[in-house]
N, C-alpha and C. Protein backbone atom coordinates (compact mmCIF):
# COMPACT_ATOMS: atom_id res chain seq x y z
N UNK A 1 159.61 44.29 19.36
CA UNK A 1 158.61 45.33 19.37
C UNK A 1 158.75 46.12 18.08
N UNK A 2 157.67 46.28 17.36
CA UNK A 2 157.68 47.04 16.12
C UNK A 2 157.27 48.47 16.40
N UNK A 3 158.06 49.41 15.89
CA UNK A 3 157.81 50.82 16.12
C UNK A 3 157.68 51.51 14.78
N UNK A 4 156.66 52.34 14.66
CA UNK A 4 156.42 53.05 13.41
C UNK A 4 157.51 54.08 13.16
N UNK A 5 157.86 54.34 11.89
CA UNK A 5 158.86 55.37 11.59
C UNK A 5 158.34 56.76 11.92
N UNK A 6 159.25 57.72 11.98
CA UNK A 6 158.88 59.10 12.27
C UNK A 6 158.12 59.65 11.07
N UNK A 7 156.99 60.26 11.35
CA UNK A 7 156.18 60.85 10.29
C UNK A 7 155.82 62.27 10.65
N UNK A 8 155.54 63.07 9.62
CA UNK A 8 155.09 64.43 9.85
C UNK A 8 153.66 64.39 10.37
N UNK A 9 153.31 65.38 11.18
CA UNK A 9 151.94 65.49 11.64
C UNK A 9 151.26 66.57 10.82
N UNK A 10 150.26 66.17 10.09
CA UNK A 10 149.56 67.14 9.26
C UNK A 10 148.18 67.47 9.83
N UNK A 11 147.66 66.58 10.64
CA UNK A 11 146.35 66.81 11.24
C UNK A 11 146.49 66.66 12.75
N UNK A 12 145.63 67.30 13.49
CA UNK A 12 145.76 67.31 14.95
C UNK A 12 145.60 65.92 15.55
N UNK A 13 144.78 65.05 14.95
CA UNK A 13 144.59 63.72 15.54
C UNK A 13 145.77 62.80 15.27
N UNK A 14 146.70 63.17 14.38
CA UNK A 14 147.91 62.38 14.14
C UNK A 14 148.89 62.48 15.30
N UNK A 15 148.81 63.53 16.08
CA UNK A 15 149.76 63.77 17.15
C UNK A 15 149.72 62.67 18.20
N UNK A 16 148.55 62.11 18.47
CA UNK A 16 148.44 61.04 19.46
C UNK A 16 149.21 59.80 19.02
N UNK A 17 149.06 59.41 17.75
CA UNK A 17 149.76 58.24 17.24
C UNK A 17 151.27 58.47 17.23
N UNK A 18 151.68 59.66 16.86
CA UNK A 18 153.11 59.97 16.83
C UNK A 18 153.68 59.96 18.25
N UNK A 19 152.94 60.49 19.20
CA UNK A 19 153.39 60.49 20.60
C UNK A 19 153.56 59.09 21.13
N UNK A 20 152.65 58.17 20.76
CA UNK A 20 152.77 56.78 21.20
C UNK A 20 154.05 56.14 20.65
N UNK A 21 154.34 56.38 19.37
CA UNK A 21 155.55 55.82 18.77
C UNK A 21 156.80 56.38 19.44
N UNK A 22 156.78 57.67 19.78
CA UNK A 22 157.93 58.29 20.45
C UNK A 22 158.13 57.70 21.84
N UNK A 23 157.04 57.48 22.56
CA UNK A 23 157.14 56.87 23.89
C UNK A 23 157.68 55.44 23.79
N UNK A 24 157.23 54.69 22.80
CA UNK A 24 157.72 53.32 22.63
C UNK A 24 159.21 53.31 22.33
N UNK A 25 159.66 54.23 21.47
CA UNK A 25 161.09 54.32 21.16
C UNK A 25 161.90 54.61 22.42
N UNK A 26 161.40 55.55 23.22
CA UNK A 26 162.12 55.92 24.44
C UNK A 26 162.16 54.75 25.43
N UNK A 27 161.04 54.04 25.60
CA UNK A 27 161.01 52.88 26.51
C UNK A 27 161.97 51.79 26.03
N UNK A 28 161.98 51.54 24.73
CA UNK A 28 162.87 50.52 24.18
C UNK A 28 164.34 50.93 24.38
N UNK A 29 164.64 52.19 24.13
CA UNK A 29 166.00 52.70 24.32
C UNK A 29 166.44 52.56 25.78
N UNK A 30 165.58 52.96 26.70
CA UNK A 30 165.92 52.86 28.12
C UNK A 30 166.13 51.40 28.52
N UNK A 31 165.35 50.50 27.96
CA UNK A 31 165.54 49.07 28.24
C UNK A 31 166.87 48.56 27.72
N UNK A 32 167.29 49.05 26.57
CA UNK A 32 168.56 48.61 25.98
C UNK A 32 169.76 49.12 26.76
N UNK A 33 169.69 50.34 27.27
CA UNK A 33 170.87 50.91 27.92
C UNK A 33 170.97 50.53 29.40
N UNK A 34 169.96 49.84 29.93
CA UNK A 34 170.03 49.42 31.34
C UNK A 34 171.24 48.54 31.62
N UNK A 35 171.60 47.69 30.69
CA UNK A 35 172.72 46.79 30.90
C UNK A 35 174.06 47.37 30.49
N UNK A 36 174.08 48.61 30.06
CA UNK A 36 175.32 49.24 29.60
C UNK A 36 175.97 50.05 30.71
N UNK A 37 177.22 50.38 30.51
CA UNK A 37 177.98 51.17 31.47
C UNK A 37 177.75 52.66 31.18
N UNK A 38 176.68 53.19 31.73
CA UNK A 38 176.28 54.58 31.53
C UNK A 38 175.96 55.16 32.90
N UNK A 39 176.40 56.40 33.18
CA UNK A 39 176.09 57.00 34.48
C UNK A 39 174.59 57.07 34.74
N UNK A 40 174.20 56.73 35.94
CA UNK A 40 172.79 56.71 36.33
C UNK A 40 172.13 58.07 36.14
N UNK A 41 172.86 59.14 36.39
CA UNK A 41 172.32 60.50 36.24
C UNK A 41 171.85 60.74 34.81
N UNK A 42 172.60 60.28 33.82
CA UNK A 42 172.21 60.47 32.42
C UNK A 42 170.95 59.68 32.10
N UNK A 43 170.84 58.49 32.62
CA UNK A 43 169.65 57.67 32.39
C UNK A 43 168.43 58.33 33.02
N UNK A 44 168.59 58.85 34.24
CA UNK A 44 167.48 59.53 34.91
C UNK A 44 167.05 60.78 34.16
N UNK A 45 168.02 61.53 33.62
CA UNK A 45 167.68 62.72 32.85
C UNK A 45 166.92 62.38 31.58
N UNK A 46 167.29 61.28 30.93
CA UNK A 46 166.56 60.85 29.73
C UNK A 46 165.16 60.39 30.10
N UNK A 47 165.04 59.71 31.23
CA UNK A 47 163.74 59.21 31.68
C UNK A 47 162.79 60.35 32.06
N UNK A 48 163.31 61.41 32.65
CA UNK A 48 162.46 62.52 33.10
C UNK A 48 162.08 63.40 31.90
N UNK A 49 161.04 64.16 32.08
CA UNK A 49 160.59 65.05 31.02
C UNK A 49 160.44 66.46 31.58
N UNK A 50 161.42 66.88 32.35
CA UNK A 50 161.36 68.19 32.98
C UNK A 50 161.71 69.27 31.96
N UNK A 51 161.13 70.46 32.15
CA UNK A 51 161.49 71.56 31.26
C UNK A 51 162.94 71.99 31.51
N UNK A 52 163.52 72.64 30.56
CA UNK A 52 164.89 73.10 30.71
C UNK A 52 165.86 72.37 29.82
N UNK A 53 165.39 71.39 29.07
CA UNK A 53 166.24 70.71 28.11
C UNK A 53 167.21 69.70 28.67
N UNK A 54 166.99 69.22 29.90
CA UNK A 54 167.92 68.24 30.47
C UNK A 54 167.91 66.94 29.67
N UNK A 55 166.75 66.55 29.17
CA UNK A 55 166.67 65.31 28.40
C UNK A 55 167.51 65.43 27.13
N UNK A 56 167.34 66.53 26.41
CA UNK A 56 168.07 66.67 25.15
C UNK A 56 169.57 66.78 25.40
N UNK A 57 169.98 67.48 26.46
CA UNK A 57 171.41 67.56 26.77
C UNK A 57 171.99 66.19 27.09
N UNK A 58 171.22 65.38 27.82
CA UNK A 58 171.69 64.03 28.14
C UNK A 58 171.73 63.15 26.90
N UNK A 59 170.76 63.33 26.00
CA UNK A 59 170.78 62.57 24.75
C UNK A 59 171.99 62.95 23.91
N UNK A 60 172.31 64.23 23.86
CA UNK A 60 173.51 64.66 23.13
C UNK A 60 174.77 64.08 23.76
N UNK A 61 174.81 64.07 25.10
CA UNK A 61 175.96 63.51 25.80
C UNK A 61 176.09 62.02 25.46
N UNK A 62 174.96 61.31 25.50
CA UNK A 62 174.99 59.88 25.18
C UNK A 62 175.43 59.64 23.74
N UNK A 63 174.99 60.49 22.84
CA UNK A 63 175.37 60.34 21.44
C UNK A 63 176.90 60.44 21.29
N UNK A 64 177.51 61.33 22.04
CA UNK A 64 178.96 61.49 21.97
C UNK A 64 179.71 60.40 22.73
N UNK A 65 179.14 59.90 23.83
CA UNK A 65 179.92 59.07 24.75
C UNK A 65 179.49 57.62 24.90
N UNK A 66 178.39 57.21 24.29
CA UNK A 66 177.89 55.85 24.52
C UNK A 66 178.89 54.79 24.03
N UNK A 67 179.67 55.10 23.01
CA UNK A 67 180.59 54.11 22.45
C UNK A 67 181.84 53.90 23.29
N UNK A 68 182.16 54.83 24.16
CA UNK A 68 183.42 54.76 24.89
C UNK A 68 183.55 53.46 25.68
N UNK A 69 182.54 53.11 26.46
CA UNK A 69 182.62 51.88 27.26
C UNK A 69 181.68 50.78 26.79
N UNK A 70 180.89 51.07 25.74
CA UNK A 70 179.85 50.11 25.35
C UNK A 70 179.93 49.65 23.91
N UNK A 71 180.98 49.96 23.20
CA UNK A 71 181.03 49.62 21.77
C UNK A 71 181.01 48.11 21.52
N UNK A 72 181.37 47.32 22.51
CA UNK A 72 181.35 45.87 22.35
C UNK A 72 180.08 45.23 22.91
N UNK A 73 179.17 46.04 23.42
CA UNK A 73 177.91 45.53 23.95
C UNK A 73 177.05 44.99 22.80
N UNK A 74 176.33 43.91 23.03
CA UNK A 74 175.57 43.28 21.95
C UNK A 74 174.47 44.18 21.38
N UNK A 75 173.93 45.10 22.18
CA UNK A 75 172.85 45.97 21.71
C UNK A 75 173.32 47.39 21.41
N UNK A 76 174.63 47.58 21.27
CA UNK A 76 175.16 48.93 21.07
C UNK A 76 174.60 49.60 19.82
N UNK A 77 174.68 48.92 18.68
CA UNK A 77 174.25 49.55 17.42
C UNK A 77 172.75 49.85 17.43
N UNK A 78 171.99 48.95 17.98
CA UNK A 78 170.54 49.16 18.06
C UNK A 78 170.21 50.37 18.96
N UNK A 79 170.90 50.46 20.09
CA UNK A 79 170.69 51.58 21.00
C UNK A 79 171.11 52.90 20.35
N UNK A 80 172.21 52.89 19.63
CA UNK A 80 172.67 54.11 18.97
C UNK A 80 171.69 54.56 17.89
N UNK A 81 171.15 53.63 17.13
CA UNK A 81 170.16 53.97 16.10
C UNK A 81 168.90 54.57 16.75
N UNK A 82 168.43 53.96 17.81
CA UNK A 82 167.26 54.50 18.52
C UNK A 82 167.56 55.87 19.11
N UNK A 83 168.74 56.03 19.64
CA UNK A 83 169.14 57.32 20.20
C UNK A 83 169.06 58.42 19.15
N UNK A 84 169.53 58.15 17.97
CA UNK A 84 169.49 59.16 16.90
C UNK A 84 168.05 59.46 16.48
N UNK A 85 167.19 58.46 16.44
CA UNK A 85 165.77 58.71 16.13
C UNK A 85 165.11 59.55 17.21
N UNK A 86 165.41 59.24 18.45
CA UNK A 86 164.83 60.00 19.57
C UNK A 86 165.31 61.44 19.53
N UNK A 87 166.56 61.64 19.22
CA UNK A 87 167.09 63.00 19.16
C UNK A 87 166.41 63.82 18.06
N UNK A 88 166.07 63.18 16.95
CA UNK A 88 165.37 63.89 15.88
C UNK A 88 164.00 64.36 16.34
N UNK A 89 163.32 63.57 17.15
CA UNK A 89 161.99 63.96 17.61
C UNK A 89 162.06 64.96 18.76
N UNK A 90 163.15 64.94 19.52
CA UNK A 90 163.30 65.86 20.65
C UNK A 90 163.71 67.25 20.21
N UNK A 91 164.42 67.36 19.08
CA UNK A 91 164.92 68.65 18.63
C UNK A 91 163.76 69.53 18.20
N UNK A 92 163.65 70.70 18.78
CA UNK A 92 162.54 71.61 18.45
C UNK A 92 163.04 72.80 17.71
């Protein structure tokens, strides 16, 4: 799956395209971490979009802890790269 890089939004109609790319990144990331040893609660928090910053807190937790049990997983580096891209778009 090809995903467009993160771009600045300069016009209001650009936001739709950027939102699609962000959703694709998140779906791809969730697909990659399904086979990894990660607590289900963290995956559910990333999947949900509730107010209160639960998604960003779980992303930060994953950034710190994903390597502990998954560093030998075949998709580890790809998942970590996507995680960092997602965190850049989530940070407000």
